[in-house]
Amino acid sequence: MANSQGDPRVLFVMNLVLSAGFATLVVWGLSVVDALAFEWQSVVALTGILMVVTYLVVR
């Protein structure tokens, strides 16, 4: 159990949910300070970037 890498599907979904939540928070925060308009396309793009960066850091 200590050497288990975990189920990749669970890790993918967990990465997706956490990255989407963080991306939403960041885009919303930037929209509050008028640095970026809140758009779902921005959230999706930032979510994708965060997921790739997280994958590369973990691997």
PDB file of N, CA and C in Angstrom:
ATOM      1  N   MET A   1       0.815  -1.189   0.000  1.00  0.00           N
ATOM      2  CA  MET A   1       0.000   0.000   0.000  1.00  0.00           C
ATOM      3  C   MET A   1       0.864   1.261   0.000  1.00  0.00           C
ATOM      4  N   ALA A   2       1.989   1.237   0.642  1.00  0.00           N
ATOM      5  CA  ALA A   2       2.847   2.416   0.714  1.00  0.00           C
ATOM      6  C   ALA A   2       3.455   2.750  -0.643  1.00  0.00           C
ATOM      7  N   ASN A   3       3.625   1.746  -1.508  1.00  0.00           N
ATOM      8  CA  ASN A   3       4.227   1.967  -2.823  1.00  0.00           C
ATOM      9  C   ASN A   3       3.179   2.198  -3.906  1.00  0.00           C
ATOM     10  N   SER A   4       1.915   2.250  -3.562  1.00  0.00           N
ATOM     11  CA  SER A   4       0.846   2.408  -4.537  1.00  0.00           C
ATOM     12  C   SER A   4       0.883   3.797  -5.155  1.00  0.00           C
ATOM     13  N   GLN A   5       0.746   3.863  -6.484  1.00  0.00           N
ATOM     14  CA  GLN A   5       0.715   5.137  -7.197  1.00  0.00           C
ATOM     15  C   GLN A   5      -0.698   5.702  -7.264  1.00  0.00           C
ATOM     16  N   GLY A   6      -1.697   4.901  -6.929  1.00  0.00           N
ATOM     17  CA  GLY A   6      -3.079   5.355  -6.999  1.00  0.00           C
ATOM     18  C   GLY A   6      -3.665   5.109  -8.374  1.00  0.00           C
ATOM     19  N   ASP A   7      -4.954   5.199  -8.464  1.00  0.00           N
ATOM     20  CA  ASP A   7      -5.655   5.008  -9.722  1.00  0.00           C
ATOM     21  C   ASP A   7      -5.520   6.285 -10.552  1.00  0.00           C
ATOM     22  N   PRO A   8      -4.985   6.194 -11.763  1.00  0.00           N
ATOM     23  CA  PRO A   8      -4.784   7.400 -12.577  1.00  0.00           C
ATOM     24  C   PRO A   8      -6.082   8.153 -12.878  1.00  0.00           C
ATOM     25  N   ARG A   9      -7.201   7.441 -12.957  1.00  0.00           N
ATOM     26  CA  ARG A   9      -8.477   8.116 -13.222  1.00  0.00           C
ATOM     27  C   ARG A   9      -8.868   9.006 -12.057  1.00  0.00           C
ATOM     28  N   VAL A  10      -8.650   8.524 -10.845  1.00  0.00           N
ATOM     29  CA  VAL A  10      -8.965   9.324  -9.660  1.00  0.00           C
ATOM     30  C   VAL A  10      -8.051  10.542  -9.590  1.00  0.00           C
ATOM     31  N   LEU A  11      -6.782  10.345  -9.887  1.00  0.00           N
ATOM     32  CA  LEU A  11      -5.842  11.465  -9.873  1.00  0.00           C
ATOM     33  C   LEU A  11      -6.202  12.501 -10.933  1.00  0.00           C
ATOM     34  N   PHE A  12      -6.636  12.047 -12.109  1.00  0.00           N
ATOM     35  CA  PHE A  12      -7.031  12.967 -13.177  1.00  0.00           C
ATOM     36  C   PHE A  12      -8.237  13.803 -12.757  1.00  0.00           C
ATOM     37  N   VAL A  13      -9.258  13.133 -12.204  1.00  0.00           N
ATOM     38  CA  VAL A  13     -10.466  13.851 -11.798  1.00  0.00           C
ATOM     39  C   VAL A  13     -10.160  14.811 -10.656  1.00  0.00           C
ATOM     40  N   MET A  14      -9.342  14.382  -9.710  1.00  0.00           N
ATOM     41  CA  MET A  14      -8.985  15.251  -8.593  1.00  0.00           C
ATOM     42  C   MET A  14      -8.205  16.469  -9.098  1.00  0.00           C
ATOM     43  N   ASN A  15      -7.287  16.252 -10.040  1.00  0.00           N
ATOM     44  CA  ASN A  15      -6.534  17.352 -10.631  1.00  0.00           C
ATOM     45  C   ASN A  15      -7.473  18.293 -11.377  1.00  0.00           C
ATOM     46  N   LEU A  16      -8.437  17.750 -12.108  1.00  0.00           N
ATOM     47  CA  LEU A  16      -9.394  18.560 -12.853  1.00  0.00           C
ATOM     48  C   LEU A  16     -10.232  19.433 -11.918  1.00  0.00           C
ATOM     49  N   VAL A  17     -10.761  18.830 -10.867  1.00  0.00           N
ATOM     50  CA  VAL A  17     -11.632  19.567  -9.944  1.00  0.00           C
ATOM     51  C   VAL A  17     -10.858  20.659  -9.204  1.00  0.00           C
ATOM     52  N   LEU A  18      -9.695  20.315  -8.693  1.00  0.00           N
ATOM     53  CA  LEU A  18      -8.916  21.301  -7.937  1.00  0.00           C
ATOM     54  C   LEU A  18      -8.379  22.411  -8.844  1.00  0.00           C
ATOM     55  N   SER A  19      -7.943  22.054 -10.043  1.00  0.00           N
ATOM     56  CA  SER A  19      -7.454  23.065 -10.977  1.00  0.00           C
ATOM     57  C   SER A  19      -8.582  23.984 -11.424  1.00  0.00           C
ATOM     58  N   ALA A  20      -9.754  23.429 -11.678  1.00  0.00           N
ATOM     59  CA  ALA A  20     -10.896  24.250 -12.091  1.00  0.00           C
ATOM     60  C   ALA A  20     -11.325  25.197 -10.976  1.00  0.00           C
ATOM     61  N   GLY A  21     -11.337  24.708  -9.766  1.00  0.00           N
ATOM     62  CA  GLY A  21     -11.696  25.566  -8.638  1.00  0.00           C
ATOM     63  C   GLY A  21     -10.696  26.694  -8.451  1.00  0.00           C
ATOM     64  N   PHE A  22      -9.424  26.378  -8.530  1.00  0.00           N
ATOM     65  CA  PHE A  22      -8.396  27.406  -8.366  1.00  0.00           C
ATOM     66  C   PHE A  22      -8.426  28.395  -9.523  1.00  0.00           C
ATOM     67  N   ALA A  23      -8.608  27.893 -10.750  1.00  0.00           N
ATOM     68  CA  ALA A  23      -8.675  28.772 -11.917  1.00  0.00           C
ATOM     69  C   ALA A  23      -9.865  29.719 -11.818  1.00  0.00           C
ATOM     70  N   THR A  24     -11.013  29.203 -11.373  1.00  0.00           N
ATOM     71  CA  THR A  24     -12.191  30.047 -11.207  1.00  0.00           C
ATOM     72  C   THR A  24     -11.923  31.142 -10.185  1.00  0.00           C
ATOM     73  N   LEU A  25     -11.294  30.776  -9.088  1.00  0.00           N
ATOM     74  CA  LEU A  25     -10.968  31.752  -8.052  1.00  0.00           C
ATOM     75  C   LEU A  25      -9.997  32.816  -8.566  1.00  0.00           C
ATOM     76  N   VAL A  26      -8.992  32.412  -9.315  1.00  0.00           N
ATOM     77  CA  VAL A  26      -8.006  33.361  -9.836  1.00  0.00           C
ATOM     78  C   VAL A  26      -8.649  34.307 -10.846  1.00  0.00           C
ATOM     79  N   VAL A  27      -9.421  33.761 -11.791  1.00  0.00           N
ATOM     80  CA  VAL A  27     -10.060  34.612 -12.804  1.00  0.00           C
ATOM     81  C   VAL A  27     -11.068  35.552 -12.151  1.00  0.00           C
ATOM     82  N   TRP A  28     -11.824  35.062 -11.179  1.00  0.00           N
ATOM     83  CA  TRP A  28     -12.772  35.923 -10.468  1.00  0.00           C
ATOM     84  C   TRP A  28     -12.028  37.039  -9.737  1.00  0.00           C
ATOM     85  N   GLY A  29     -10.936  36.684  -9.061  1.00  0.00           N
ATOM     86  CA  GLY A  29     -10.153  37.684  -8.334  1.00  0.00           C
ATOM     87  C   GLY A  29      -9.576  38.743  -9.267  1.00  0.00           C
ATOM     88  N   LEU A  30      -9.092  38.312 -10.429  1.00  0.00           N
ATOM     89  CA  LEU A  30      -8.575  39.274 -11.393  1.00  0.00           C
ATOM     90  C   LEU A  30      -9.681  40.154 -11.966  1.00  0.00           C
ATOM     91  N   SER A  31     -10.886  39.604 -12.058  1.00  0.00           N
ATOM     92  CA  SER A  31     -11.999  40.422 -12.551  1.00  0.00           C
ATOM     93  C   SER A  31     -12.438  41.442 -11.500  1.00  0.00           C
ATOM     94  N   VAL A  32     -12.264  41.115 -10.241  1.00  0.00           N
ATOM     95  CA  VAL A  32     -12.624  42.054  -9.168  1.00  0.00           C
ATOM     96  C   VAL A  32     -11.713  43.285  -9.213  1.00  0.00           C
ATOM     97  N   VAL A  33     -10.433  43.067  -9.505  1.00  0.00           N
ATOM     98  CA  VAL A  33      -9.494  44.187  -9.565  1.00  0.00           C
ATOM     99  C   VAL A  33      -9.383  44.759 -10.975  1.00  0.00           C
ATOM    100  N   ASP A  34     -10.287  44.380 -11.860  1.00  0.00           N
ATOM    101  CA  ASP A  34     -10.351  44.864 -13.247  1.00  0.00           C
ATOM    102  C   ASP A  34      -9.080  44.598 -14.038  1.00  0.00           C
ATOM    103  N   ALA A  35      -8.415  43.485 -13.755  1.00  0.00           N
ATOM    104  CA  ALA A  35      -7.231  43.104 -14.520  1.00  0.00           C
ATOM    105  C   ALA A  35      -7.599  42.157 -15.665  1.00  0.00           C
ATOM    106  N   LEU A  36      -8.760  41.506 -15.549  1.00  0.00           N
ATOM    107  CA  LEU A  36      -9.200  40.533 -16.543  1.00  0.00           C
ATOM    108  C   LEU A  36     -10.702  40.391 -16.419  1.00  0.00           C
ATOM    109  N   ALA A  37     -11.382  40.306 -17.541  1.00  0.00           N
ATOM    110  CA  ALA A  37     -12.829  40.097 -17.504  1.00  0.00           C
ATOM    111  C   ALA A  37     -13.113  38.631 -17.190  1.00  0.00           C
ATOM    112  N   PHE A  38     -14.140  38.397 -16.373  1.00  0.00           N
ATOM    113  CA  PHE A  38     -14.493  37.015 -16.047  1.00  0.00           C
ATOM    114  C   PHE A  38     -15.201  36.397 -17.241  1.00  0.00           C
ATOM    115  N   GLU A  39     -14.561  35.414 -17.832  1.00  0.00           N
ATOM    116  CA  GLU A  39     -15.134  34.659 -18.947  1.00  0.00           C
ATOM    117  C   GLU A  39     -14.831  33.192 -18.708  1.00  0.00           C
ATOM    118  N   TRP A  40     -15.791  32.341 -19.057  1.00  0.00           N
ATOM    119  CA  TRP A  40     -15.598  30.911 -18.850  1.00  0.00           C
ATOM    120  C   TRP A  40     -14.475  30.378 -19.724  1.00  0.00           C
ATOM    121  N   GLN A  41     -14.215  31.018 -20.869  1.00  0.00           N
ATOM    122  CA  GLN A  41     -13.109  30.592 -21.719  1.00  0.00           C
ATOM    123  C   GLN A  41     -11.776  30.794 -20.996  1.00  0.00           C
ATOM    124  N   SER A  42     -11.670  31.862 -20.230  1.00  0.00           N
ATOM    125  CA  SER A  42     -10.454  32.112 -19.451  1.00  0.00           C
ATOM    126  C   SER A  42     -10.285  31.061 -18.360  1.00  0.00           C
ATOM    127  N   VAL A  43     -11.391  30.692 -17.735  1.00  0.00           N
ATOM    128  CA  VAL A  43     -11.349  29.668 -16.685  1.00  0.00           C
ATOM    129  C   VAL A  43     -10.908  28.332 -17.276  1.00  0.00           C
ATOM    130  N   VAL A  44     -11.476  27.977 -18.415  1.00  0.00           N
ATOM    131  CA  VAL A  44     -11.123  26.703 -19.066  1.00  0.00           C
ATOM    132  C   VAL A  44      -9.654  26.702 -19.478  1.00  0.00           C
ATOM    133  N   ALA A  45      -9.188  27.806 -20.052  1.00  0.00           N
ATOM    134  CA  ALA A  45      -7.791  27.890 -20.476  1.00  0.00           C
ATOM    135  C   ALA A  45      -6.843  27.774 -19.279  1.00  0.00           C
ATOM    136  N   LEU A  46      -7.133  28.488 -18.217  1.00  0.00           N
ATOM    137  CA  LEU A  46      -6.279  28.429 -17.027  1.00  0.00           C
ATOM    138  C   LEU A  46      -6.347  27.047 -16.377  1.00  0.00           C
ATOM    139  N   THR A  47      -7.504  26.423 -16.407  1.00  0.00           N
ATOM    140  CA  THR A  47      -7.625  25.064 -15.874  1.00  0.00           C
ATOM    141  C   THR A  47      -6.725  24.113 -16.638  1.00  0.00           C
ATOM    142  N   GLY A  48      -6.741  24.207 -17.964  1.00  0.00           N
ATOM    143  CA  GLY A  48      -5.877  23.357 -18.783  1.00  0.00           C
ATOM    144  C   GLY A  48      -4.408  23.579 -18.494  1.00  0.00           C
ATOM    145  N   ILE A  49      -4.025  24.840 -18.370  1.00  0.00           N
ATOM    146  CA  ILE A  49      -2.623  25.164 -18.075  1.00  0.00           C
ATOM    147  C   ILE A  49      -2.220  24.607 -16.715  1.00  0.00           C
ATOM    148  N   LEU A  50      -3.073  24.796 -15.726  1.00  0.00           N
ATOM    149  CA  LEU A  50      -2.768  24.284 -14.381  1.00  0.00           C
ATOM    150  C   LEU A  50      -2.676  22.761 -14.355  1.00  0.00           C
ATOM    151  N   MET A  51      -3.554  22.088 -15.109  1.00  0.00           N
ATOM    152  CA  MET A  51      -3.507  20.629 -15.140  1.00  0.00           C
ATOM    153  C   MET A  51      -2.209  20.128 -15.763  1.00  0.00           C
ATOM    154  N   VAL A  52      -1.763  20.768 -16.830  1.00  0.00           N
ATOM    155  CA  VAL A  52      -0.514  20.361 -17.484  1.00  0.00           C
ATOM    156  C   VAL A  52       0.676  20.618 -16.570  1.00  0.00           C
ATOM    157  N   VAL A  53       0.704  21.792 -15.955  1.00  0.00           N
ATOM    158  CA  VAL A  53       1.816  22.125 -15.050  1.00  0.00           C
ATOM    159  C   VAL A  53       1.843  21.156 -13.863  1.00  0.00           C
ATOM    160  N   THR A  54       0.689  20.868 -13.298  1.00  0.00           N
ATOM    161  CA  THR A  54       0.618  19.934 -12.179  1.00  0.00           C
ATOM    162  C   THR A  54       1.103  18.549 -12.587  1.00  0.00           C
ATOM    163  N   TYR A  55       0.681  18.094 -13.751  1.00  0.00           N
ATOM    164  CA  TYR A  55       1.113  16.783 -14.255  1.00  0.00           C
ATOM    165  C   TYR A  55       2.625  16.732 -14.416  1.00  0.00           C
ATOM    166  N   LEU A  56       3.198  17.801 -14.995  1.00  0.00           N
ATOM    167  CA  LEU A  56       4.652  17.823 -15.217  1.00  0.00           C
ATOM    168  C   LEU A  56       5.422  17.886 -13.900  1.00  0.00           C
ATOM    169  N   VAL A  57       4.911  18.609 -12.929  1.00  0.00           N
ATOM    170  CA  VAL A  57       5.606  18.712 -11.640  1.00  0.00           C
ATOM    171  C   VAL A  57       5.543  17.396 -10.891  1.00  0.00           C
ATOM    172  N   VAL A  58       4.410  16.715 -10.951  1.00  0.00           N
ATOM    173  CA  VAL A  58       4.240  15.461 -10.205  1.00  0.00           C
ATOM    174  C   VAL A  58       5.050  14.337 -10.843  1.00  0.00           C
ATOM    175  N   ARG A  59       5.121  14.319 -12.150  1.00  0.00           N
ATOM    176  CA  ARG A  59       5.874  13.260 -12.832  1.00  0.00           C
ATOM    177  C   ARG A  59       7.326  13.566 -12.761  1.00  0.00           C
TER     178      ARG A  59
END
